[in-house]
Amino acid sequence: MNCKSLMTAGLFALFGSMALAAQADTSVPVETYHYGTHLDVSRVLSIQQADSHTCGVTRSQMNYLDSNGKEHRLQYQSFANDCHEGN
């Protein structure tokens, strides 16, 4: 195999894995947290917060695994990271 063939094969593998990762993201439905919702959180994978340039309530999302290893996405309200010194 020459260098060009190796690079082409590597690019196809890279794009294929990226497509698989993107597909996996859409396969997990986003649940909305309500007071009293039972959560079975074994491991937190990530937490994202919507961009906010003011202090106040904003939308956040937590991706986690339950005790059976199943992935979940939970959307909830939280205070923005821009809230400093209790304001």
C-alpha atoms as a PDB file:
ATOM      1  CA  MET A   1       0.000   0.000   0.000  1.00  0.00           C
ATOM      2  CA  ASN A   2       1.303   3.410  -0.821  1.00  0.00           C
ATOM      3  CA  CYS A   3       1.067   6.524   1.348  1.00  0.00           C
ATOM      4  CA  LYS A   4      -1.926   7.953  -0.549  1.00  0.00           C
ATOM      5  CA  SER A   5      -3.955   4.773  -0.041  1.00  0.00           C
ATOM      6  CA  LEU A   6      -3.133   4.744   3.667  1.00  0.00           C
ATOM      7  CA  MET A   7      -4.170   8.362   4.073  1.00  0.00           C
ATOM      8  CA  THR A   8      -7.422   7.764   2.190  1.00  0.00           C
ATOM      9  CA  ALA A   9      -8.225   4.719   4.309  1.00  0.00           C
ATOM     10  CA  GLY A  10      -7.441   6.702   7.465  1.00  0.00           C
ATOM     11  CA  LEU A  11      -9.752   9.536   6.426  1.00  0.00           C
ATOM     12  CA  PHE A  12     -12.601   7.115   5.703  1.00  0.00           C
ATOM     13  CA  ALA A  13     -12.082   5.505   9.117  1.00  0.00           C
ATOM     14  CA  LEU A  14     -12.045   8.924  10.796  1.00  0.00           C
ATOM     15  CA  PHE A  15     -15.198  10.152   9.062  1.00  0.00           C
ATOM     16  CA  GLY A  16     -16.913   6.846   9.723  1.00  0.00           C
ATOM     17  CA  SER A  17     -16.193   7.028  13.442  1.00  0.00           C
ATOM     18  CA  MET A  18     -17.361  10.657  13.546  1.00  0.00           C
ATOM     19  CA  ALA A  19     -20.608   9.691  11.835  1.00  0.00           C
ATOM     20  CA  LEU A  20     -21.096   6.852  14.313  1.00  0.00           C
ATOM     21  CA  ALA A  21     -20.519   9.211  17.246  1.00  0.00           C
ATOM     22  CA  ALA A  22     -22.993  11.725  15.824  1.00  0.00           C
ATOM     23  CA  GLN A  23     -25.536   8.955  15.305  1.00  0.00           C
ATOM     24  CA  ALA A  24     -25.090   7.772  18.897  1.00  0.00           C
ATOM     25  CA  ASP A  25     -25.828  11.288  20.174  1.00  0.00           C
ATOM     26  CA  THR A  26     -29.291  11.305  18.598  1.00  0.00           C
ATOM     27  CA  SER A  27     -30.220   7.809  19.760  1.00  0.00           C
ATOM     28  CA  VAL A  28     -30.471   8.842  23.436  1.00  0.00           C
ATOM     29  CA  PRO A  29     -33.627  10.873  24.115  1.00  0.00           C
ATOM     30  CA  VAL A  30     -33.413  13.969  26.306  1.00  0.00           C
ATOM     31  CA  GLU A  31     -35.520  13.703  29.457  1.00  0.00           C
ATOM     32  CA  THR A  32     -36.734  16.823  31.281  1.00  0.00           C
ATOM     33  CA  TYR A  33     -36.252  16.914  35.042  1.00  0.00           C
ATOM     34  CA  HIS A  34     -39.306  17.572  37.194  1.00  0.00           C
ATOM     35  CA  TYR A  35     -39.320  17.856  40.969  1.00  0.00           C
ATOM     36  CA  GLY A  36     -39.471  14.354  42.425  1.00  0.00           C
ATOM     37  CA  THR A  37     -38.048  12.597  39.342  1.00  0.00           C
ATOM     38  CA  HIS A  38     -36.221   9.433  40.436  1.00  0.00           C
ATOM     39  CA  LEU A  39     -32.642   9.489  39.154  1.00  0.00           C
ATOM     40  CA  ASP A  40     -30.359   6.457  38.974  1.00  0.00           C
ATOM     41  CA  VAL A  41     -26.996   8.143  38.353  1.00  0.00           C
ATOM     42  CA  SER A  42     -23.999   5.839  38.522  1.00  0.00           C
ATOM     43  CA  ARG A  43     -21.521   7.960  36.549  1.00  0.00           C
ATOM     44  CA  VAL A  44     -21.750  11.494  35.146  1.00  0.00           C
ATOM     45  CA  LEU A  45     -20.325  11.665  31.612  1.00  0.00           C
ATOM     46  CA  SER A  46     -20.686  15.405  30.990  1.00  0.00           C
ATOM     47  CA  ILE A  47     -22.569  18.537  31.987  1.00  0.00           C
ATOM     48  CA  GLN A  48     -23.268  21.351  29.538  1.00  0.00           C
ATOM     49  CA  GLN A  49     -24.842  24.722  30.215  1.00  0.00           C
ATOM     50  CA  ALA A  50     -26.475  27.025  27.669  1.00  0.00           C
ATOM     51  CA  ASP A  51     -24.477  30.191  26.990  1.00  0.00           C
ATOM     52  CA  SER A  52     -25.685  33.011  29.192  1.00  0.00           C
ATOM     53  CA  HIS A  53     -24.118  36.432  29.594  1.00  0.00           C
ATOM     54  CA  THR A  54     -26.243  37.407  32.566  1.00  0.00           C
ATOM     55  CA  CYS A  55     -26.804  36.081  36.060  1.00  0.00           C
ATOM     56  CA  GLY A  56     -29.988  34.058  36.204  1.00  0.00           C
ATOM     57  CA  VAL A  57     -31.591  30.714  35.489  1.00  0.00           C
ATOM     58  CA  THR A  58     -30.432  28.893  32.383  1.00  0.00           C
ATOM     59  CA  ARG A  59     -30.886  25.490  30.740  1.00  0.00           C
ATOM     60  CA  SER A  60     -28.370  22.733  31.523  1.00  0.00           C
ATOM     61  CA  GLN A  61     -27.967  19.136  30.381  1.00  0.00           C
ATOM     62  CA  MET A  62     -26.332  16.206  32.147  1.00  0.00           C
ATOM     63  CA  ASN A  63     -25.293  13.047  30.307  1.00  0.00           C
ATOM     64  CA  TYR A  64     -24.904  10.073  32.626  1.00  0.00           C
ATOM     65  CA  LEU A  65     -24.910   6.295  32.970  1.00  0.00           C
ATOM     66  CA  ASP A  66     -27.351   4.512  35.251  1.00  0.00           C
ATOM     67  CA  SER A  67     -26.501   1.498  37.432  1.00  0.00           C
ATOM     68  CA  ASN A  68     -27.146  -0.807  34.428  1.00  0.00           C
ATOM     69  CA  GLY A  69     -24.729   1.126  32.185  1.00  0.00           C
ATOM     70  CA  LYS A  70     -27.510   2.680  30.068  1.00  0.00           C
ATOM     71  CA  GLU A  71     -26.857   6.249  28.909  1.00  0.00           C
ATOM     72  CA  HIS A  72     -29.320   9.026  29.766  1.00  0.00           C
ATOM     73  CA  ARG A  73     -29.584  12.742  28.986  1.00  0.00           C
ATOM     74  CA  LEU A  74     -31.312  14.973  31.495  1.00  0.00           C
ATOM     75  CA  GLN A  75     -32.269  18.589  30.848  1.00  0.00           C
ATOM     76  CA  TYR A  76     -32.802  20.836  33.884  1.00  0.00           C
ATOM     77  CA  GLN A  77     -32.701  24.463  35.071  1.00  0.00           C
ATOM     78  CA  SER A  78     -29.677  25.862  36.930  1.00  0.00           C
ATOM     79  CA  PHE A  79     -28.105  29.192  37.790  1.00  0.00           C
ATOM     80  CA  ALA A  80     -25.772  30.515  35.100  1.00  0.00           C
ATOM     81  CA  ASN A  81     -22.030  30.309  35.636  1.00  0.00           C
ATOM     82  CA  ASP A  82     -21.913  34.121  35.331  1.00  0.00           C
ATOM     83  CA  CYS A  83     -23.496  34.475  38.800  1.00  0.00           C
ATOM     84  CA  HIS A  84     -20.681  35.664  41.073  1.00  0.00           C
ATOM     85  CA  GLU A  85     -20.664  36.513  44.770  1.00  0.00           C
ATOM     86  CA  GLY A  86     -24.278  35.442  45.295  1.00  0.00           C
ATOM     87  CA  ASN A  87     -25.778  38.081  42.959  1.00  0.00           C
END
